[in-house]
Amino acid sequence: MIRDTSLRVTSTLPGQPERSLLIRKSLFMTDQPGEYRVQLILSAGADLSGVTLTDPLPQGATLIDGQNVLTYDTLASGERAVTYRFRWAGDPKGAVTDPTASWRY
């Protein structure tokens, strides 16, 4: 494993309950040279509407399978795993990127 990290995105509006999304990201090298596997675990405390999650690839990388940009009309509360793979010729430390997420209220 190259990296294991978490990102929590939280919103609070007056008169509304707090909404949060926890994204746990793990980055692995595969057995193939220059190939990486990313696992994102999404944990929503409540249903979230209009969710967009972007996990950018390193510059010059090529997506092999899966999706690194996700959109959900409604992301149901609970936990789900998303996996994708990409190919990149750079230094493994440079393969690390930070995801971003947003949703509508």
PDB file of N, CA and C in Angstrom:
ATOM      1  N   MET A   1       0.851  -1.173   0.000  1.00  0.00           N
ATOM      2  CA  MET A   1       0.000   0.000   0.000  1.00  0.00           C
ATOM      3  C   MET A   1       0.897   1.236   0.000  1.00  0.00           C
ATOM      4  N   ILE A   2       0.569   2.168  -0.890  1.00  0.00           N
ATOM      5  CA  ILE A   2       1.318   3.420  -0.970  1.00  0.00           C
ATOM      6  C   ILE A   2       0.730   4.453  -0.022  1.00  0.00           C
ATOM      7  N   ARG A   3      -0.598   4.491   0.061  1.00  0.00           N
ATOM      8  CA  ARG A   3      -1.248   5.506   0.893  1.00  0.00           C
ATOM      9  C   ARG A   3      -2.595   5.005   1.376  1.00  0.00           C
ATOM     10  N   ASP A   4      -2.934   5.377   2.599  1.00  0.00           N
ATOM     11  CA  ASP A   4      -4.243   5.117   3.172  1.00  0.00           C
ATOM     12  C   ASP A   4      -4.631   6.388   3.917  1.00  0.00           C
ATOM     13  N   THR A   5      -5.675   7.059   3.462  1.00  0.00           N
ATOM     14  CA  THR A   5      -6.041   8.348   4.041  1.00  0.00           C
ATOM     15  C   THR A   5      -7.550   8.505   4.077  1.00  0.00           C
ATOM     16  N   SER A   6      -8.008   9.472   4.841  1.00  0.00           N
ATOM     17  CA  SER A   6      -9.448   9.746   4.946  1.00  0.00           C
ATOM     18  C   SER A   6      -9.716  11.227   4.750  1.00  0.00           C
ATOM     19  N   LEU A   7     -10.860  11.504   4.150  1.00  0.00           N
ATOM     20  CA  LEU A   7     -11.338  12.872   3.957  1.00  0.00           C
ATOM     21  C   LEU A   7     -12.785  12.914   4.434  1.00  0.00           C
ATOM     22  N   ARG A   8     -13.099  13.860   5.307  1.00  0.00           N
ATOM     23  CA  ARG A   8     -14.480  14.035   5.764  1.00  0.00           C
ATOM     24  C   ARG A   8     -14.976  15.386   5.248  1.00  0.00           C
ATOM     25  N   VAL A   9     -16.108  15.343   4.535  1.00  0.00           N
ATOM     26  CA  VAL A   9     -16.748  16.553   4.033  1.00  0.00           C
ATOM     27  C   VAL A   9     -18.048  16.706   4.822  1.00  0.00           C
ATOM     28  N   THR A  10     -18.226  17.869   5.457  1.00  0.00           N
ATOM     29  CA  THR A  10     -19.376  18.091   6.328  1.00  0.00           C
ATOM     30  C   THR A  10     -20.055  19.398   5.955  1.00  0.00           C
ATOM     31  N   SER A  11     -21.380  19.415   6.056  1.00  0.00           N
ATOM     32  CA  SER A  11     -22.123  20.652   5.829  1.00  0.00           C
ATOM     33  C   SER A  11     -23.158  20.822   6.931  1.00  0.00           C
ATOM     34  N   THR A  12     -23.342  22.055   7.323  1.00  0.00           N
ATOM     35  CA  THR A  12     -24.359  22.385   8.311  1.00  0.00           C
ATOM     36  C   THR A  12     -25.072  23.653   7.860  1.00  0.00           C
ATOM     37  N   LEU A  13     -26.370  23.566   7.676  1.00  0.00           N
ATOM     38  CA  LEU A  13     -27.184  24.733   7.347  1.00  0.00           C
ATOM     39  C   LEU A  13     -28.097  25.031   8.528  1.00  0.00           C
ATOM     40  N   PRO A  14     -28.421  26.309   8.759  1.00  0.00           N
ATOM     41  CA  PRO A  14     -29.322  26.650   9.858  1.00  0.00           C
ATOM     42  C   PRO A  14     -30.637  25.869   9.742  1.00  0.00           C
ATOM     43  N   GLY A  15     -31.030  25.249  10.836  1.00  0.00           N
ATOM     44  CA  GLY A  15     -32.284  24.515  10.861  1.00  0.00           C
ATOM     45  C   GLY A  15     -32.234  23.140  10.208  1.00  0.00           C
ATOM     46  N   GLN A  16     -31.080  22.744   9.709  1.00  0.00           N
ATOM     47  CA  GLN A  16     -30.923  21.448   9.047  1.00  0.00           C
ATOM     48  C   GLN A  16     -29.953  20.579   9.844  1.00  0.00           C
ATOM     49  N   PRO A  17     -30.154  19.264   9.825  1.00  0.00           N
ATOM     50  CA  PRO A  17     -29.178  18.394  10.497  1.00  0.00           C
ATOM     51  C   PRO A  17     -27.850  18.391   9.728  1.00  0.00           C
ATOM     52  N   GLU A  18     -26.772  18.148  10.439  1.00  0.00           N
ATOM     53  CA  GLU A  18     -25.458  18.055   9.799  1.00  0.00           C
ATOM     54  C   GLU A  18     -25.438  16.880   8.825  1.00  0.00           C
ATOM     55  N   ARG A  19     -24.829  17.093   7.683  1.00  0.00           N
ATOM     56  CA  ARG A  19     -24.646  16.043   6.675  1.00  0.00           C
ATOM     57  C   ARG A  19     -23.144  15.828   6.512  1.00  0.00           C
ATOM     58  N   SER A  20     -22.740  14.573   6.381  1.00  0.00           N
ATOM     59  CA  SER A  20     -21.316  14.322   6.207  1.00  0.00           C
ATOM     60  C   SER A  20     -21.087  13.127   5.289  1.00  0.00           C
ATOM     61  N   LEU A  21     -19.937  13.147   4.658  1.00  0.00           N
ATOM     62  CA  LEU A  21     -19.490  12.067   3.795  1.00  0.00           C
ATOM     63  C   LEU A  21     -18.034  11.799   4.144  1.00  0.00           C
ATOM     64  N   LEU A  22     -17.734  10.572   4.512  1.00  0.00           N
ATOM     65  CA  LEU A  22     -16.371  10.155   4.789  1.00  0.00           C
ATOM     66  C   LEU A  22     -15.866   9.366   3.594  1.00  0.00           C
ATOM     67  N   ILE A  23     -14.716   9.761   3.076  1.00  0.00           N
ATOM     68  CA  ILE A  23     -14.087   9.066   1.951  1.00  0.00           C
ATOM     69  C   ILE A  23     -12.766   8.503   2.454  1.00  0.00           C
ATOM     70  N   ARG A  24     -12.648   7.188   2.446  1.00  0.00           N
ATOM     71  CA  ARG A  24     -11.386   6.541   2.801  1.00  0.00           C
ATOM     72  C   ARG A  24     -10.744   6.065   1.504  1.00  0.00           C
ATOM     73  N   LYS A  25      -9.529   6.527   1.265  1.00  0.00           N
ATOM     74  CA  LYS A  25      -8.842   6.209   0.014  1.00  0.00           C
ATOM     75  C   LYS A  25      -7.602   5.377   0.303  1.00  0.00           C
ATOM     76  N   SER A  26      -7.487   4.272  -0.429  1.00  0.00           N
ATOM     77  CA  SER A  26      -6.297   3.426  -0.357  1.00  0.00           C
ATOM     78  C   SER A  26      -5.723   3.302  -1.764  1.00  0.00           C
ATOM     79  N   LEU A  27      -4.421   3.486  -1.872  1.00  0.00           N
ATOM     80  CA  LEU A  27      -3.722   3.415  -3.162  1.00  0.00           C
ATOM     81  C   LEU A  27      -2.708   2.281  -3.103  1.00  0.00           C
ATOM     82  N   PHE A  28      -2.774   1.381  -4.077  1.00  0.00           N
ATOM     83  CA  PHE A  28      -1.914   0.212  -4.129  1.00  0.00           C
ATOM     84  C   PHE A  28      -1.206   0.135  -5.479  1.00  0.00           C
ATOM     85  N   MET A  29      -0.003  -0.408  -5.498  1.00  0.00           N
ATOM     86  CA  MET A  29       0.640  -0.792  -6.756  1.00  0.00           C
ATOM     87  C   MET A  29       0.159  -2.211  -7.060  1.00  0.00           C
ATOM     88  N   THR A  30      -0.050  -2.510  -8.335  1.00  0.00           N
ATOM     89  CA  THR A  30      -0.431  -3.870  -8.713  1.00  0.00           C
ATOM     90  C   THR A  30       0.835  -4.629  -9.111  1.00  0.00           C
ATOM     91  N   ASP A  31       0.657  -5.875  -9.550  1.00  0.00           N
ATOM     92  CA  ASP A  31       1.796  -6.677  -9.998  1.00  0.00           C
ATOM     93  C   ASP A  31       2.338  -6.210 -11.342  1.00  0.00           C
ATOM     94  N   GLN A  32       1.569  -5.394 -12.043  1.00  0.00           N
ATOM     95  CA  GLN A  32       1.980  -4.885 -13.350  1.00  0.00           C
ATOM     96  C   GLN A  32       2.771  -3.586 -13.167  1.00  0.00           C
ATOM     97  N   PRO A  33       3.950  -3.461 -13.760  1.00  0.00           N
ATOM     98  CA  PRO A  33       4.730  -2.226 -13.616  1.00  0.00           C
ATOM     99  C   PRO A  33       3.941  -0.999 -14.075  1.00  0.00           C
ATOM    100  N   GLY A  34       3.962   0.043 -13.254  1.00  0.00           N
ATOM    101  CA  GLY A  34       3.294   1.290 -13.603  1.00  0.00           C
ATOM    102  C   GLY A  34       1.788   1.272 -13.471  1.00  0.00           C
ATOM    103  N   GLU A  35       1.222   0.209 -12.896  1.00  0.00           N
ATOM    104  CA  GLU A  35      -0.229   0.105 -12.745  1.00  0.00           C
ATOM    105  C   GLU A  35      -0.604   0.232 -11.270  1.00  0.00           C
ATOM    106  N   TYR A  36      -1.654   1.010 -11.018  1.00  0.00           N
ATOM    107  CA  TYR A  36      -2.093   1.293  -9.651  1.00  0.00           C
ATOM    108  C   TYR A  36      -3.570   0.970  -9.506  1.00  0.00           C
ATOM    109  N   ARG A  37      -3.945   0.590  -8.282  1.00  0.00           N
ATOM    110  CA  ARG A  37      -5.350   0.332  -7.958  1.00  0.00           C
ATOM    111  C   ARG A  37      -5.737   1.259  -6.814  1.00  0.00           C
ATOM    112  N   VAL A  38      -6.888   1.892  -6.954  1.00  0.00           N
ATOM    113  CA  VAL A  38      -7.414   2.792  -5.936  1.00  0.00           C
ATOM    114  C   VAL A  38      -8.726   2.214  -5.426  1.00  0.00           C
ATOM    115  N   GLN A  39      -8.868   2.191  -4.101  1.00  0.00           N
ATOM    116  CA  GLN A  39     -10.143   1.811  -3.508  1.00  0.00           C
ATOM    117  C   GLN A  39     -10.642   2.992  -2.691  1.00  0.00           C
ATOM    118  N   LEU A  40     -11.859   3.408  -2.985  1.00  0.00           N
ATOM    119  CA  LEU A  40     -12.527   4.463  -2.233  1.00  0.00           C
ATOM    120  C   LEU A  40     -13.678   3.831  -1.465  1.00  0.00           C
ATOM    121  N   ILE A  41     -13.719   4.052  -0.164  1.00  0.00           N
ATOM    122  CA  ILE A  41     -14.850   3.617   0.660  1.00  0.00           C
ATOM    123  C   ILE A  41     -15.633   4.872   1.004  1.00  0.00           C
ATOM    124  N   LEU A  42     -16.868   4.951   0.542  1.00  0.00           N
ATOM    125  CA  LEU A  42     -17.734   6.105   0.780  1.00  0.00           C
ATOM    126  C   LEU A  42     -18.701   5.766   1.904  1.00  0.00           C
ATOM    127  N   SER A  43     -18.718   6.596   2.940  1.00  0.00           N
ATOM    128  CA  SER A  43     -19.626   6.387   4.071  1.00  0.00           C
ATOM    129  C   SER A  43     -20.450   7.649   4.283  1.00  0.00           C
ATOM    130  N   ALA A  44     -21.746   7.548   4.013  1.00  0.00           N
ATOM    131  CA  ALA A  44     -22.656   8.686   4.183  1.00  0.00           C
ATOM    132  C   ALA A  44     -23.530   8.439   5.405  1.00  0.00           C
ATOM    133  N   GLY A  45     -23.620   9.449   6.272  1.00  0.00           N
ATOM    134  CA  GLY A  45     -24.439   9.329   7.474  1.00  0.00           C
ATOM    135  C   GLY A  45     -25.917   9.487   7.195  1.00  0.00           C
ATOM    136  N   ALA A  46     -26.266  10.067   6.057  1.00  0.00           N
ATOM    137  CA  ALA A  46     -27.657  10.274   5.644  1.00  0.00           C
ATOM    138  C   ALA A  46     -27.682  10.294   4.124  1.00  0.00           C
ATOM    139  N   ASP A  47     -28.863  10.172   3.529  1.00  0.00           N
ATOM    140  CA  ASP A  47     -28.976  10.285   2.077  1.00  0.00           C
ATOM    141  C   ASP A  47     -28.483  11.672   1.653  1.00  0.00           C
ATOM    142  N   LEU A  48     -27.683  11.719   0.586  1.00  0.00           N
ATOM    143  CA  LEU A  48     -27.163  12.978   0.055  1.00  0.00           C
ATOM    144  C   LEU A  48     -27.597  13.113  -1.395  1.00  0.00           C
ATOM    145  N   SER A  49     -28.067  14.295  -1.791  1.00  0.00           N
ATOM    146  CA  SER A  49     -28.564  14.534  -3.147  1.00  0.00           C
ATOM    147  C   SER A  49     -27.509  15.206  -4.003  1.00  0.00           C
ATOM    148  N   GLY A  50     -27.465  14.830  -5.273  1.00  0.00           N
ATOM    149  CA  GLY A  50     -26.596  15.498  -6.238  1.00  0.00           C
ATOM    150  C   GLY A  50     -25.129  15.429  -5.875  1.00  0.00           C
ATOM    151  N   VAL A  51     -24.653  14.246  -5.519  1.00  0.00           N
ATOM    152  CA  VAL A  51     -23.258  14.072  -5.088  1.00  0.00           C
ATOM    153  C   VAL A  51     -22.334  13.985  -6.292  1.00  0.00           C
ATOM    154  N   THR A  52     -21.236  14.712  -6.219  1.00  0.00           N
ATOM    155  CA  THR A  52     -20.151  14.596  -7.192  1.00  0.00           C
ATOM    156  C   THR A  52     -18.871  14.344  -6.424  1.00  0.00           C
ATOM    157  N   LEU A  53     -18.170  13.281  -6.782  1.00  0.00           N
ATOM    158  CA  LEU A  53     -16.890  12.952  -6.179  1.00  0.00           C
ATOM    159  C   LEU A  53     -15.863  12.864  -7.301  1.00  0.00           C
ATOM    160  N   THR A  54     -14.770  13.571  -7.145  1.00  0.00           N
ATOM    161  CA  THR A  54     -13.693  13.550  -8.135  1.00  0.00           C
ATOM    162  C   THR A  54     -12.401  13.150  -7.436  1.00  0.00           C
ATOM    163  N   ASP A  55     -11.775  12.114  -7.946  1.00  0.00           N
ATOM    164  CA  ASP A  55     -10.471  11.690  -7.453  1.00  0.00           C
ATOM    165  C   ASP A  55      -9.506  11.807  -8.630  1.00  0.00           C
ATOM    166  N   PRO A  56      -8.800  12.941  -8.739  1.00  0.00           N
ATOM    167  CA  PRO A  56      -8.000  13.195  -9.931  1.00  0.00           C
ATOM    168  C   PRO A  56      -6.869  12.186 -10.105  1.00  0.00           C
ATOM    169  N   LEU A  57      -6.595  11.870 -11.358  1.00  0.00           N
ATOM    170  CA  LEU A  57      -5.446  11.048 -11.681  1.00  0.00           C
ATOM    171  C   LEU A  57      -4.199  11.930 -11.705  1.00  0.00           C
ATOM    172  N   PRO A  58      -3.026  11.342 -11.472  1.00  0.00           N
ATOM    173  CA  PRO A  58      -1.799  12.125 -11.642  1.00  0.00           C
ATOM    174  C   PRO A  58      -1.703  12.607 -13.098  1.00  0.00           C
ATOM    175  N   GLN A  59      -1.080  13.750 -13.294  1.00  0.00           N
ATOM    176  CA  GLN A  59      -0.959  14.280 -14.650  1.00  0.00           C
ATOM    177  C   GLN A  59      -0.225  13.285 -15.536  1.00  0.00           C
ATOM    178  N   GLY A  60      -0.822  12.966 -16.682  1.00  0.00           N
ATOM    179  CA  GLY A  60      -0.243  12.025 -17.624  1.00  0.00           C
ATOM    180  C   GLY A  60      -0.685  10.588 -17.416  1.00  0.00           C
ATOM    181  N   ALA A  61      -1.481  10.317 -16.383  1.00  0.00           N
ATOM    182  CA  ALA A  61      -1.966   8.954 -16.119  1.00  0.00           C
ATOM    183  C   ALA A  61      -3.131   8.614 -17.042  1.00  0.00           C
ATOM    184  N   THR A  62      -3.342   7.306 -17.245  1.00  0.00           N
ATOM    185  CA  THR A  62      -4.428   6.807 -18.079  1.00  0.00           C
ATOM    186  C   THR A  62      -5.307   5.879 -17.254  1.00  0.00           C
ATOM    187  N   LEU A  63      -6.607   6.157 -17.242  1.00  0.00           N
ATOM    188  CA  LEU A  63      -7.555   5.298 -16.540  1.00  0.00           C
ATOM    189  C   LEU A  63      -7.672   3.980 -17.303  1.00  0.00           C
ATOM    190  N   ILE A  64      -7.510   2.857 -16.597  1.00  0.00           N
ATOM    191  CA  ILE A  64      -7.590   1.532 -17.225  1.00  0.00           C
ATOM    192  C   ILE A  64      -9.002   0.977 -17.106  1.00  0.00           C
ATOM    193  N   ASP A  65      -9.543   1.011 -15.898  1.00  0.00           N
ATOM    194  CA  ASP A  65     -10.932   0.577 -15.709  1.00  0.00           C
ATOM    195  C   ASP A  65     -11.517   1.224 -14.471  1.00  0.00           C
ATOM    196  N   GLY A  66     -12.847   1.194 -14.383  1.00  0.00           N
ATOM    197  CA  GLY A  66     -13.545   1.853 -13.295  1.00  0.00           C
ATOM    198  C   GLY A  66     -13.742   3.332 -13.592  1.00  0.00           C
ATOM    199  N   GLN A  67     -14.089   4.085 -12.557  1.00  0.00           N
ATOM    200  CA  GLN A  67     -14.341   5.521 -12.708  1.00  0.00           C
ATOM    201  C   GLN A  67     -13.694   6.270 -11.555  1.00  0.00           C
ATOM    202  N   ASN A  68     -13.041   7.381 -11.872  1.00  0.00           N
ATOM    203  CA  ASN A  68     -12.469   8.233 -10.836  1.00  0.00           C
ATOM    204  C   ASN A  68     -13.294   9.508 -10.636  1.00  0.00           C
ATOM    205  N   VAL A  69     -14.339   9.692 -11.443  1.00  0.00           N
ATOM    206  CA  VAL A  69     -15.304  10.781 -11.262  1.00  0.00           C
ATOM    207  C   VAL A  69     -16.669  10.119 -11.142  1.00  0.00           C
ATOM    208  N   LEU A  70     -17.325  10.345  -9.998  1.00  0.00           N
ATOM    209  CA  LEU A  70     -18.589   9.683  -9.712  1.00  0.00           C
ATOM    210  C   LEU A  70     -19.673  10.721  -9.479  1.00  0.00           C
ATOM    211  N   THR A  71     -20.861  10.467  -9.983  1.00  0.00           N
ATOM    212  CA  THR A  71     -22.014  11.318  -9.705  1.00  0.00           C
ATOM    213  C   THR A  71     -23.170  10.428  -9.277  1.00  0.00           C
ATOM    214  N   TYR A  72     -23.902  10.897  -8.296  1.00  0.00           N
ATOM    215  CA  TYR A  72     -25.068  10.180  -7.786  1.00  0.00           C
ATOM    216  C   TYR A  72     -26.217  11.172  -7.677  1.00  0.00           C
ATOM    217  N   ASP A  73     -27.374  10.836  -8.253  1.00  0.00           N
ATOM    218  CA  ASP A  73     -28.570  11.651  -8.008  1.00  0.00           C
ATOM    219  C   ASP A  73     -28.856  11.649  -6.515  1.00  0.00           C
ATOM    220  N   THR A  74     -28.812  10.448  -5.923  1.00  0.00           N
ATOM    221  CA  THR A  74     -28.924  10.292  -4.473  1.00  0.00           C
ATOM    222  C   THR A  74     -27.924   9.238  -4.036  1.00  0.00           C
ATOM    223  N   LEU A  75     -27.050   9.624  -3.133  1.00  0.00           N
ATOM    224  CA  LEU A  75     -26.122   8.683  -2.515  1.00  0.00           C
ATOM    225  C   LEU A  75     -26.777   8.257  -1.201  1.00  0.00           C
ATOM    226  N   ALA A  76     -27.236   7.017  -1.157  1.00  0.00           N
ATOM    227  CA  ALA A  76     -27.949   6.528   0.028  1.00  0.00           C
ATOM    228  C   ALA A  76     -27.005   6.436   1.228  1.00  0.00           C
ATOM    229  N   SER A  77     -27.565   6.615   2.406  1.00  0.00           N
ATOM    230  CA  SER A  77     -26.757   6.482   3.609  1.00  0.00           C
ATOM    231  C   SER A  77     -26.189   5.070   3.678  1.00  0.00           C
ATOM    232  N   GLY A  78     -25.065   4.954   4.331  1.00  0.00           N
ATOM    233  CA  GLY A  78     -24.404   3.662   4.440  1.00  0.00           C
ATOM    234  C   GLY A  78     -23.024   3.717   3.816  1.00  0.00           C
ATOM    235  N   GLU A  79     -22.480   2.540   3.558  1.00  0.00           N
ATOM    236  CA  GLU A  79     -21.106   2.441   3.055  1.00  0.00           C
ATOM    237  C   GLU A  79     -21.075   1.671   1.743  1.00  0.00           C
ATOM    238  N   ARG A  80     -20.221   2.110   0.824  1.00  0.00           N
ATOM    239  CA  ARG A  80     -20.022   1.406  -0.434  1.00  0.00           C
ATOM    240  C   ARG A  80     -18.576   1.570  -0.873  1.00  0.00           C
ATOM    241  N   ALA A  81     -18.087   0.586  -1.613  1.00  0.00           N
ATOM    242  CA  ALA A  81     -16.705   0.609  -2.105  1.00  0.00           C
ATOM    243  C   ALA A  81     -16.701   0.856  -3.606  1.00  0.00           C
ATOM    244  N   VAL A  82     -15.745   1.649  -4.048  1.00  0.00           N
ATOM    245  CA  VAL A  82     -15.540   1.931  -5.468  1.00  0.00           C
ATOM    246  C   VAL A  82     -14.062   1.671  -5.752  1.00  0.00           C
ATOM    247  N   THR A  83     -13.788   0.956  -6.826  1.00  0.00           N
ATOM    248  CA  THR A  83     -12.399   0.641  -7.180  1.00  0.00           C
ATOM    249  C   THR A  83     -12.150   1.022  -8.627  1.00  0.00           C
ATOM    250  N   TYR A  84     -10.975   1.573  -8.886  1.00  0.00           N
ATOM    251  CA  TYR A  84     -10.556   1.835 -10.262  1.00  0.00           C
ATOM    252  C   TYR A  84      -9.052   1.618 -10.368  1.00  0.00           C
ATOM    253  N   ARG A  85      -8.590   1.462 -11.602  1.00  0.00           N
ATOM    254  CA  ARG A  85      -7.160   1.268 -11.858  1.00  0.00           C
ATOM    255  C   ARG A  85      -6.683   2.286 -12.886  1.00  0.00           C
ATOM    256  N   PHE A  86      -5.410   2.677 -12.760  1.00  0.00           N
ATOM    257  CA  PHE A  86      -4.811   3.560 -13.748  1.00  0.00           C
ATOM    258  C   PHE A  86      -3.360   3.171 -13.985  1.00  0.00           C
ATOM    259  N   ARG A  87      -2.847   3.624 -15.119  1.00  0.00           N
ATOM    260  CA  ARG A  87      -1.454   3.379 -15.494  1.00  0.00           C
ATOM    261  C   ARG A  87      -0.736   4.719 -15.497  1.00  0.00           C
ATOM    262  N   TRP A  88       0.478   4.710 -14.929  1.00  0.00           N
ATOM    263  CA  TRP A  88       1.249   5.949 -14.837  1.00  0.00           C
ATOM    264  C   TRP A  88       2.726   5.606 -14.710  1.00  0.00           C
ATOM    265  N   ALA A  89       3.582   6.331 -15.407  1.00  0.00           N
ATOM    266  CA  ALA A  89       5.009   6.021 -15.455  1.00  0.00           C
ATOM    267  C   ALA A  89       5.845   6.802 -14.445  1.00  0.00           C
ATOM    268  N   GLY A  90       5.239   7.676 -13.655  1.00  0.00           N
ATOM    269  CA  GLY A  90       5.997   8.507 -12.727  1.00  0.00           C
ATOM    270  C   GLY A  90       6.384   7.792 -11.439  1.00  0.00           C
ATOM    271  N   ASP A  91       7.038   8.536 -10.557  1.00  0.00           N
ATOM    272  CA  ASP A  91       7.439   8.046  -9.242  1.00  0.00           C
ATOM    273  C   ASP A  91       6.183   7.677  -8.443  1.00  0.00           C
ATOM    274  N   PRO A  92       6.166   6.517  -7.778  1.00  0.00           N
ATOM    275  CA  PRO A  92       4.978   6.105  -7.019  1.00  0.00           C
ATOM    276  C   PRO A  92       4.484   7.150  -6.014  1.00  0.00           C
ATOM    277  N   LYS A  93       5.378   7.914  -5.416  1.00  0.00           N
ATOM    278  CA  LYS A  93       4.935   8.945  -4.471  1.00  0.00           C
ATOM    279  C   LYS A  93       4.102  10.016  -5.168  1.00  0.00           C
ATOM    280  N   GLY A  94       4.346  10.239  -6.460  1.00  0.00           N
ATOM    281  CA  GLY A  94       3.580  11.207  -7.237  1.00  0.00           C
ATOM    282  C   GLY A  94       2.226  10.693  -7.680  1.00  0.00           C
ATOM    283  N   ALA A  95       1.948   9.404  -7.437  1.00  0.00           N
ATOM    284  CA  ALA A  95       0.659   8.816  -7.827  1.00  0.00           C
ATOM    285  C   ALA A  95      -0.445   9.190  -6.847  1.00  0.00           C
ATOM    286  N   VAL A  96      -0.078   9.835  -5.762  1.00  0.00           N
ATOM    287  CA  VAL A  96      -1.033  10.188  -4.709  1.00  0.00           C
ATOM    288  C   VAL A  96      -1.741  11.492  -5.051  1.00  0.00           C
ATOM    289  N   THR A  97      -3.070  11.468  -5.040  1.00  0.00           N
ATOM    290  CA  THR A  97      -3.886  12.670  -5.251  1.00  0.00           C
ATOM    291  C   THR A  97      -4.957  12.712  -4.170  1.00  0.00           C
ATOM    292  N   ASP A  98      -5.581  13.858  -3.993  1.00  0.00           N
ATOM    293  CA  ASP A  98      -6.625  14.018  -2.988  1.00  0.00           C
ATOM    294  C   ASP A  98      -7.996  14.179  -3.646  1.00  0.00           C
ATOM    295  N   PRO A  99      -8.977  13.381  -3.209  1.00  0.00           N
ATOM    296  CA  PRO A  99     -10.323  13.504  -3.763  1.00  0.00           C
ATOM    297  C   PRO A  99     -11.039  14.746  -3.255  1.00  0.00           C
ATOM    298  N   THR A 100     -12.059  15.163  -3.997  1.00  0.00           N
ATOM    299  CA  THR A 100     -12.953  16.237  -3.571  1.00  0.00           C
ATOM    300  C   THR A 100     -14.385  15.739  -3.720  1.00  0.00           C
ATOM    301  N   ALA A 101     -15.285  16.301  -2.923  1.00  0.00           N
ATOM    302  CA  ALA A 101     -16.688  15.888  -2.999  1.00  0.00           C
ATOM    303  C   ALA A 101     -17.583  17.073  -2.678  1.00  0.00           C
ATOM    304  N   SER A 102     -18.772  17.063  -3.283  1.00  0.00           N
ATOM    305  CA  SER A 102     -19.788  18.081  -2.984  1.00  0.00           C
ATOM    306  C   SER A 102     -21.157  17.457  -3.220  1.00  0.00           C
ATOM    307  N   TRP A 103     -22.185  18.117  -2.683  1.00  0.00           N
ATOM    308  CA  TRP A 103     -23.572  17.699  -2.911  1.00  0.00           C
ATOM    309  C   TRP A 103     -24.489  18.894  -2.757  1.00  0.00           C
ATOM    310  N   ARG A 104     -25.743  18.708  -3.229  1.00  0.00           N
ATOM    311  CA  ARG A 104     -26.770  19.760  -3.120  1.00  0.00           C
ATOM    312  C   ARG A 104     -27.481  19.631  -1.789  1.00  0.00           C
ATOM    313  N   TYR A 105     -28.087  20.720  -1.370  1.00  0.00           N
ATOM    314  CA  TYR A 105     -28.848  20.729  -0.120  1.00  0.00           C
ATOM    315  C   TYR A 105     -30.318  20.608  -0.416  1.00  0.00           C
TER     316      TYR A 105
END
